[in-house]
Amino acid sequence: MQASFERIATELGLDLQKFKMDMQSKELTNRLLNDMVEAQQNGITGTPSVFINGRKLKQRSLSGFQKLIDD
């Protein structure tokens, strides 16, 4: 799997050395885990997730946006 990530990083033109360092970074791993915990606590199950006035948008249509804004 690591080789696949490195291949994709190379295809995207990323700095491969920095990418490898970031993949091994405890700080970045902890930030990611904290974000995942926060997402779970807020009922986020995927991306993108949209919140309006602190409420999760469930109906992704113009009328859904408008209803949540008006509420």
N, C-alpha and C. Protein backbone atom coordinates (compact mmCIF):
# COMPACT_ATOMS: atom_id res chain seq x y z
N MET A 1 0.83 -1.19 0.00
CA MET A 1 0.00 0.00 0.00
C MET A 1 0.87 1.26 0.00
N GLN A 2 1.96 1.25 0.75
CA GLN A 2 2.86 2.40 0.81
C GLN A 2 3.37 2.75 -0.59
N ALA A 3 3.70 1.72 -1.38
CA ALA A 3 4.20 1.96 -2.74
C ALA A 3 3.13 2.65 -3.59
N SER A 4 1.87 2.26 -3.39
CA SER A 4 0.77 2.89 -4.14
C SER A 4 0.65 4.36 -3.78
N PHE A 5 0.75 4.67 -2.48
CA PHE A 5 0.68 6.07 -2.05
C PHE A 5 1.83 6.87 -2.65
N GLU A 6 3.03 6.30 -2.64
CA GLU A 6 4.18 7.00 -3.19
C GLU A 6 4.04 7.19 -4.70
N ARG A 7 3.50 6.21 -5.39
CA ARG A 7 3.28 6.33 -6.83
C ARG A 7 2.29 7.47 -7.12
N ILE A 8 1.21 7.51 -6.35
CA ILE A 8 0.20 8.56 -6.55
C ILE A 8 0.80 9.92 -6.22
N ALA A 9 1.57 10.01 -5.14
CA ALA A 9 2.21 11.27 -4.76
C ALA A 9 3.12 11.76 -5.88
N THR A 10 3.86 10.84 -6.47
CA THR A 10 4.75 11.19 -7.58
C THR A 10 3.95 11.67 -8.78
N GLU A 11 2.86 10.96 -9.10
CA GLU A 11 2.01 11.35 -10.23
C GLU A 11 1.40 12.73 -10.03
N LEU A 12 1.13 13.07 -8.77
CA LEU A 12 0.56 14.39 -8.46
C LEU A 12 1.62 15.49 -8.42
N GLY A 13 2.88 15.10 -8.52
CA GLY A 13 3.95 16.08 -8.51
C GLY A 13 4.31 16.57 -7.11
N LEU A 14 3.98 15.78 -6.09
CA LEU A 14 4.31 16.17 -4.73
C LEU A 14 5.80 15.97 -4.45
N ASP A 15 6.30 16.69 -3.48
CA ASP A 15 7.67 16.50 -3.00
C ASP A 15 7.71 15.16 -2.27
N LEU A 16 8.30 14.15 -2.89
CA LEU A 16 8.24 12.79 -2.36
C LEU A 16 8.93 12.67 -1.00
N GLN A 17 10.05 13.36 -0.81
CA GLN A 17 10.74 13.30 0.48
C GLN A 17 9.85 13.86 1.59
N LYS A 18 9.23 15.02 1.34
CA LYS A 18 8.33 15.62 2.35
C LYS A 18 7.13 14.72 2.57
N PHE A 19 6.60 14.15 1.51
CA PHE A 19 5.46 13.24 1.62
C PHE A 19 5.81 12.07 2.53
N LYS A 20 6.97 11.46 2.33
CA LYS A 20 7.38 10.33 3.16
C LYS A 20 7.54 10.74 4.62
N MET A 21 8.13 11.91 4.86
CA MET A 21 8.29 12.40 6.23
C MET A 21 6.93 12.64 6.86
N ASP A 22 6.01 13.25 6.13
CA ASP A 22 4.68 13.53 6.65
C ASP A 22 3.92 12.24 6.96
N MET A 23 4.10 11.22 6.12
CA MET A 23 3.43 9.95 6.35
C MET A 23 3.90 9.28 7.65
N GLN A 24 5.11 9.59 8.08
CA GLN A 24 5.67 9.00 9.30
C GLN A 24 5.55 9.93 10.51
N SER A 25 4.99 11.11 10.32
CA SER A 25 4.92 12.12 11.37
C SER A 25 3.89 11.76 12.44
N LYS A 26 4.33 11.68 13.67
CA LYS A 26 3.42 11.42 14.80
C LYS A 26 2.48 12.61 14.99
N GLU A 27 2.99 13.82 14.79
CA GLU A 27 2.16 15.02 14.95
C GLU A 27 0.99 15.01 13.96
N LEU A 28 1.28 14.73 12.70
CA LEU A 28 0.22 14.71 11.69
C LEU A 28 -0.75 13.55 11.93
N THR A 29 -0.23 12.42 12.37
CA THR A 29 -1.09 11.29 12.70
C THR A 29 -2.04 11.66 13.83
N ASN A 30 -1.54 12.33 14.86
CA ASN A 30 -2.39 12.75 15.99
C ASN A 30 -3.44 13.77 15.54
N ARG A 31 -3.06 14.69 14.67
CA ARG A 31 -4.02 15.68 14.17
C ARG A 31 -5.14 14.99 13.40
N LEU A 32 -4.77 14.02 12.57
CA LEU A 32 -5.75 13.27 11.80
C LEU A 32 -6.69 12.49 12.72
N LEU A 33 -6.13 11.82 13.73
CA LEU A 33 -6.97 11.06 14.66
C LEU A 33 -7.92 11.98 15.42
N ASN A 34 -7.44 13.14 15.85
CA ASN A 34 -8.30 14.10 16.54
C ASN A 34 -9.43 14.57 15.64
N ASP A 35 -9.12 14.83 14.36
CA ASP A 35 -10.16 15.23 13.41
C ASP A 35 -11.20 14.12 13.22
N MET A 36 -10.73 12.88 13.19
CA MET A 36 -11.65 11.75 13.01
C MET A 36 -12.58 11.60 14.22
N VAL A 37 -12.05 11.79 15.42
CA VAL A 37 -12.87 11.72 16.63
C VAL A 37 -13.91 12.84 16.62
N GLU A 38 -13.48 14.05 16.28
CA GLU A 38 -14.40 15.18 16.22
C GLU A 38 -15.49 14.94 15.18
N ALA A 39 -15.13 14.38 14.04
CA ALA A 39 -16.11 14.07 13.00
C ALA A 39 -17.14 13.07 13.51
N GLN A 40 -16.68 12.01 14.17
CA GLN A 40 -17.60 11.01 14.71
C GLN A 40 -18.54 11.63 15.73
N GLN A 41 -18.01 12.50 16.58
CA GLN A 41 -18.83 13.15 17.60
C GLN A 41 -19.91 14.04 16.99
N ASN A 42 -19.65 14.53 15.78
CA ASN A 42 -20.60 15.41 15.11
C ASN A 42 -21.42 14.70 14.04
N GLY A 43 -21.35 13.39 14.00
CA GLY A 43 -22.17 12.62 13.08
C GLY A 43 -21.71 12.68 11.63
N ILE A 44 -20.47 13.03 11.40
CA ILE A 44 -19.96 13.10 10.04
C ILE A 44 -19.48 11.71 9.65
N THR A 45 -20.02 11.21 8.54
CA THR A 45 -19.66 9.87 8.10
C THR A 45 -18.91 9.89 6.77
N GLY A 46 -18.76 11.04 6.16
CA GLY A 46 -18.06 11.13 4.89
C GLY A 46 -17.83 12.58 4.50
N THR A 47 -17.18 12.76 3.38
CA THR A 47 -16.93 14.10 2.88
C THR A 47 -17.47 14.20 1.46
N PRO A 48 -17.91 15.35 1.05
CA PRO A 48 -18.01 16.55 1.87
C PRO A 48 -19.25 16.51 2.76
N SER A 49 -19.15 17.13 3.90
CA SER A 49 -20.28 17.31 4.80
C SER A 49 -20.52 18.81 4.93
N VAL A 50 -21.76 19.22 4.92
CA VAL A 50 -22.11 20.64 4.95
C VAL A 50 -22.90 20.93 6.21
N PHE A 51 -22.49 21.99 6.91
CA PHE A 51 -23.20 22.45 8.09
C PHE A 51 -23.62 23.89 7.86
N ILE A 52 -24.84 24.21 8.26
CA ILE A 52 -25.36 25.57 8.17
C ILE A 52 -25.90 25.92 9.54
N ASN A 53 -25.41 27.01 10.10
CA ASN A 53 -25.82 27.44 11.43
C ASN A 53 -25.69 26.30 12.45
N GLY A 54 -24.60 25.52 12.33
CA GLY A 54 -24.34 24.45 13.27
C GLY A 54 -25.14 23.18 13.06
N ARG A 55 -25.94 23.14 12.01
CA ARG A 55 -26.77 21.96 11.74
C ARG A 55 -26.34 21.30 10.44
N LYS A 56 -26.30 19.97 10.44
CA LYS A 56 -25.85 19.22 9.28
C LYS A 56 -26.92 19.24 8.19
N LEU A 57 -26.50 19.57 6.97
CA LEU A 57 -27.40 19.57 5.82
C LEU A 57 -27.60 18.14 5.36
N LYS A 58 -28.85 17.70 5.31
CA LYS A 58 -29.15 16.33 4.89
C LYS A 58 -29.71 16.29 3.48
N GLN A 59 -30.47 17.31 3.10
CA GLN A 59 -31.06 17.36 1.76
C GLN A 59 -30.23 18.31 0.90
N ARG A 60 -29.42 17.76 0.02
CA ARG A 60 -28.48 18.57 -0.77
C ARG A 60 -29.11 19.07 -2.06
N SER A 61 -30.05 19.95 -1.89
CA SER A 61 -30.69 20.61 -3.03
C SER A 61 -30.82 22.08 -2.66
N LEU A 62 -31.15 22.89 -3.63
CA LEU A 62 -31.33 24.31 -3.35
C LEU A 62 -32.39 24.51 -2.28
N SER A 63 -33.49 23.76 -2.39
CA SER A 63 -34.56 23.91 -1.39
C SER A 63 -34.09 23.39 -0.02
N GLY A 64 -33.25 22.36 0.00
CA GLY A 64 -32.72 21.87 1.26
C GLY A 64 -31.84 22.90 1.95
N PHE A 65 -30.97 23.55 1.15
CA PHE A 65 -30.14 24.63 1.70
C PHE A 65 -31.02 25.75 2.23
N GLN A 66 -32.00 26.17 1.43
CA GLN A 66 -32.85 27.28 1.81
C GLN A 66 -33.64 26.98 3.08
N LYS A 67 -34.16 25.76 3.20
CA LYS A 67 -34.94 25.40 4.38
C LYS A 67 -34.09 25.45 5.63
N LEU A 68 -32.87 24.94 5.56
CA LEU A 68 -31.99 24.95 6.73
C LEU A 68 -31.59 26.37 7.10
N ILE A 69 -31.36 27.21 6.10
CA ILE A 69 -31.03 28.62 6.36
C ILE A 69 -32.22 29.32 7.00
N ASP A 70 -33.42 29.11 6.46
CA ASP A 70 -34.61 29.77 6.99
C ASP A 70 -34.97 29.31 8.39
N ASP A 71 -34.75 28.00 8.66
CA ASP A 71 -35.04 27.48 10.01
C ASP A 71 -34.15 28.13 11.03
